[in-house]
Amino acid sequence: MIETSAAYQTIKLWLIDGTGLGKDALHIYAGLAVFLTVRGLWRWRRPGLAAWIATLLVACAAEWVDLQGEALRGRLAPDAAHWHDIWNTMFWPTILSMIDGWRRRKTSGENAERRLEQA
């Protein structure tokens, strides 16, 4: 576990230094990247929901690794800081999933009306 946490922290610091972005911005971009990747690759039903769930799992796993690393170093951040990170990661994927669901319902309703008109 120590190696995983150390590698994760090294990657985070490398991304922060390399991009010039803050931790909050990295959470937002990471969430969007996971969401859009899964959304683009998922070929079964409800790709928006699958992408949202995948993003949530990645966000929770990342925070769990953060917690483990903090515990090993004896410097636990307050719970609110971890929830803030999950919130940042999940905000835009949640909005995009809601839009996706709304568009699906609207499209399926229009298709049903067309079928009735053709009958």
C-alpha atoms as a PDB file:
ATOM      1  CA  MET A   1       0.000   0.000   0.000  1.00  0.00           C
ATOM      2  CA  ILE A   2       2.890   2.357   0.740  1.00  0.00           C
ATOM      3  CA  GLU A   3       4.204   1.972  -2.810  1.00  0.00           C
ATOM      4  CA  THR A   4       0.774   2.616  -4.351  1.00  0.00           C
ATOM      5  CA  SER A   5       0.227   5.737  -2.288  1.00  0.00           C
ATOM      6  CA  ALA A   6       3.728   7.039  -2.997  1.00  0.00           C
ATOM      7  CA  ALA A   7       3.363   6.418  -6.743  1.00  0.00           C
ATOM      8  CA  TYR A   8      -0.035   8.111  -6.766  1.00  0.00           C
ATOM      9  CA  GLN A   9       1.307  11.152  -4.914  1.00  0.00           C
ATOM     10  CA  THR A  10       4.299  11.341  -7.279  1.00  0.00           C
ATOM     11  CA  ILE A  11       2.011  11.313 -10.319  1.00  0.00           C
ATOM     12  CA  LYS A  12      -0.219  13.998  -8.783  1.00  0.00           C
ATOM     13  CA  LEU A  13       2.754  16.247  -8.014  1.00  0.00           C
ATOM     14  CA  TRP A  14       4.173  15.657 -11.506  1.00  0.00           C
ATOM     15  CA  LEU A  15       0.824  16.679 -13.046  1.00  0.00           C
ATOM     16  CA  ILE A  16       0.557  19.755 -10.833  1.00  0.00           C
ATOM     17  CA  ASP A  17       4.099  20.843 -11.716  1.00  0.00           C
ATOM     18  CA  GLY A  18       3.768  19.958 -15.402  1.00  0.00           C
ATOM     19  CA  THR A  19       0.413  21.596 -16.042  1.00  0.00           C
ATOM     20  CA  GLY A  20       0.533  24.481 -13.596  1.00  0.00           C
ATOM     21  CA  LEU A  21      -2.987  23.556 -12.467  1.00  0.00           C
ATOM     22  CA  GLY A  22      -4.105  23.339  -8.874  1.00  0.00           C
ATOM     23  CA  LYS A  23      -5.381  20.182  -7.207  1.00  0.00           C
ATOM     24  CA  ASP A  24      -9.010  21.253  -7.600  1.00  0.00           C
ATOM     25  CA  ALA A  25      -8.614  21.810 -11.337  1.00  0.00           C
ATOM     26  CA  LEU A  26      -6.908  18.439 -11.710  1.00  0.00           C
ATOM     27  CA  HIS A  27      -9.865  16.765 -10.020  1.00  0.00           C
ATOM     28  CA  ILE A  28     -12.231  18.461 -12.459  1.00  0.00           C
ATOM     29  CA  TYR A  29     -10.192  17.475 -15.505  1.00  0.00           C
ATOM     30  CA  ALA A  30      -9.653  13.922 -14.250  1.00  0.00           C
ATOM     31  CA  GLY A  31     -13.375  13.497 -13.670  1.00  0.00           C
ATOM     32  CA  LEU A  32     -14.178  14.769 -17.147  1.00  0.00           C
ATOM     33  CA  ALA A  33     -11.492  12.594 -18.713  1.00  0.00           C
ATOM     34  CA  VAL A  34     -12.763   9.417 -17.042  1.00  0.00           C
ATOM     35  CA  PHE A  35     -16.391  10.282 -17.793  1.00  0.00           C
ATOM     36  CA  LEU A  36     -15.825  11.120 -21.467  1.00  0.00           C
ATOM     37  CA  THR A  37     -13.550   8.124 -22.023  1.00  0.00           C
ATOM     38  CA  VAL A  38     -16.030   5.636 -20.591  1.00  0.00           C
ATOM     39  CA  ARG A  39     -18.931   7.442 -22.294  1.00  0.00           C
ATOM     40  CA  GLY A  40     -17.147   7.174 -25.639  1.00  0.00           C
ATOM     41  CA  LEU A  41     -16.144   3.528 -25.236  1.00  0.00           C
ATOM     42  CA  TRP A  42     -19.338   2.158 -23.657  1.00  0.00           C
ATOM     43  CA  ARG A  43     -21.434   0.480 -26.358  1.00  0.00           C
ATOM     44  CA  TRP A  44     -24.257  -0.935 -24.242  1.00  0.00           C
ATOM     45  CA  ARG A  45     -27.324   0.664 -22.720  1.00  0.00           C
ATOM     46  CA  ARG A  46     -27.163   3.900 -20.738  1.00  0.00           C
ATOM     47  CA  PRO A  47     -23.599   5.037 -21.444  1.00  0.00           C
ATOM     48  CA  GLY A  48     -24.033   8.218 -19.391  1.00  0.00           C
ATOM     49  CA  LEU A  49     -24.931   6.260 -16.273  1.00  0.00           C
ATOM     50  CA  ALA A  50     -22.087   3.782 -16.805  1.00  0.00           C
ATOM     51  CA  ALA A  51     -19.637   6.659 -17.251  1.00  0.00           C
ATOM     52  CA  TRP A  52     -20.960   8.414 -14.128  1.00  0.00           C
ATOM     53  CA  ILE A  53     -20.578   5.266 -12.027  1.00  0.00           C
ATOM     54  CA  ALA A  54     -17.056   4.661 -13.372  1.00  0.00           C
ATOM     55  CA  THR A  55     -16.116   8.250 -12.528  1.00  0.00           C
ATOM     56  CA  LEU A  56     -17.506   7.897  -9.008  1.00  0.00           C
ATOM     57  CA  LEU A  57     -15.565   4.672  -8.478  1.00  0.00           C
ATOM     58  CA  VAL A  58     -12.331   6.293  -9.680  1.00  0.00           C
ATOM     59  CA  ALA A  59     -12.931   9.376  -7.498  1.00  0.00           C
ATOM     60  CA  CYS A  60     -13.591   7.250  -4.405  1.00  0.00           C
ATOM     61  CA  ALA A  61     -10.602   5.004  -5.107  1.00  0.00           C
ATOM     62  CA  ALA A  62      -8.331   8.037  -5.511  1.00  0.00           C
ATOM     63  CA  GLU A  63      -9.537   9.508  -2.227  1.00  0.00           C
ATOM     64  CA  TRP A  64      -9.083   6.153  -0.504  1.00  0.00           C
ATOM     65  CA  VAL A  65      -5.465   6.023  -1.718  1.00  0.00           C
ATOM     66  CA  ASP A  66      -5.043   9.623  -0.504  1.00  0.00           C
ATOM     67  CA  LEU A  67      -6.412   8.668   2.920  1.00  0.00           C
ATOM     68  CA  GLN A  68      -4.108   5.672   3.152  1.00  0.00           C
ATOM     69  CA  GLY A  69      -1.095   7.814   2.275  1.00  0.00           C
ATOM     70  CA  GLU A  70      -2.071  10.453   4.805  1.00  0.00           C
ATOM     71  CA  ALA A  71      -2.554   7.820   7.489  1.00  0.00           C
ATOM     72  CA  LEU A  72       0.872   6.325   6.772  1.00  0.00           C
ATOM     73  CA  ARG A  73       2.467   9.763   7.036  1.00  0.00           C
ATOM     74  CA  GLY A  74       0.436  10.609  10.148  1.00  0.00           C
ATOM     75  CA  ARG A  75      -1.108  13.691   8.534  1.00  0.00           C
ATOM     76  CA  LEU A  76      -4.802  13.049   7.975  1.00  0.00           C
ATOM     77  CA  ALA A  77      -6.694  15.842   6.232  1.00  0.00           C
ATOM     78  CA  PRO A  78     -10.190  16.655   7.503  1.00  0.00           C
ATOM     79  CA  ASP A  79     -13.000  14.605   5.972  1.00  0.00           C
ATOM     80  CA  ALA A  80     -14.411  17.757   4.401  1.00  0.00           C
ATOM     81  CA  ALA A  81     -11.302  18.082   2.230  1.00  0.00           C
ATOM     82  CA  HIS A  82     -11.808  14.590   0.826  1.00  0.00           C
ATOM     83  CA  TRP A  83     -15.507  15.180   0.180  1.00  0.00           C
ATOM     84  CA  HIS A  84     -14.536  18.435  -1.545  1.00  0.00           C
ATOM     85  CA  ASP A  85     -12.257  16.474  -3.888  1.00  0.00           C
ATOM     86  CA  ILE A  86     -15.024  13.996  -4.718  1.00  0.00           C
ATOM     87  CA  TRP A  87     -17.446  16.881  -5.281  1.00  0.00           C
ATOM     88  CA  ASN A  88     -14.986  18.578  -7.659  1.00  0.00           C
ATOM     89  CA  THR A  89     -14.430  15.337  -9.544  1.00  0.00           C
ATOM     90  CA  MET A  90     -18.131  14.496  -9.865  1.00  0.00           C
ATOM     91  CA  PHE A  91     -19.747  17.883 -10.567  1.00  0.00           C
ATOM     92  CA  TRP A  92     -19.462  18.031 -14.356  1.00  0.00           C
ATOM     93  CA  PRO A  93     -19.947  14.296 -14.935  1.00  0.00           C
ATOM     94  CA  THR A  94     -23.178  14.603 -12.923  1.00  0.00           C
ATOM     95  CA  ILE A  95     -24.368  17.534 -15.027  1.00  0.00           C
ATOM     96  CA  LEU A  96     -23.466  15.733 -18.264  1.00  0.00           C
ATOM     97  CA  SER A  97     -25.238  12.555 -17.099  1.00  0.00           C
ATOM     98  CA  MET A  98     -28.364  14.540 -16.293  1.00  0.00           C
ATOM     99  CA  ILE A  99     -28.307  16.163 -19.730  1.00  0.00           C
ATOM    100  CA  ASP A 100     -27.737  12.767 -21.340  1.00  0.00           C
ATOM    101  CA  GLY A 101     -30.714  11.290 -19.473  1.00  0.00           C
ATOM    102  CA  TRP A 102     -32.911  14.250 -20.372  1.00  0.00           C
ATOM    103  CA  ARG A 103     -31.955  13.986 -24.057  1.00  0.00           C
ATOM    104  CA  ARG A 104     -32.636  10.244 -24.070  1.00  0.00           C
ATOM    105  CA  ARG A 105     -36.106  10.705 -22.590  1.00  0.00           C
ATOM    106  CA  LYS A 106     -36.924  13.495 -25.005  1.00  0.00           C
ATOM    107  CA  THR A 107     -35.700  11.476 -28.005  1.00  0.00           C
ATOM    108  CA  SER A 108     -37.548   8.315 -26.940  1.00  0.00           C
ATOM    109  CA  GLY A 109     -40.739  10.366 -26.484  1.00  0.00           C
ATOM    110  CA  GLU A 110     -40.421  11.857 -29.976  1.00  0.00           C
ATOM    111  CA  ASN A 111     -39.800   8.404 -31.477  1.00  0.00           C
ATOM    112  CA  ALA A 112     -42.929   7.070 -29.746  1.00  0.00           C
ATOM    113  CA  GLU A 113     -44.991   9.918 -31.200  1.00  0.00           C
ATOM    114  CA  ARG A 114     -43.654   9.218 -34.693  1.00  0.00           C
ATOM    115  CA  ARG A 115     -44.526   5.539 -34.374  1.00  0.00           C
ATOM    116  CA  LEU A 116     -48.084   6.453 -33.368  1.00  0.00           C
ATOM    117  CA  GLU A 117     -48.408   8.866 -36.294  1.00  0.00           C
ATOM    118  CA  GLN A 118     -47.246   6.207 -38.748  1.00  0.00           C
ATOM    119  CA  ALA A 119     -49.653   3.557 -37.454  1.00  0.00           C
END
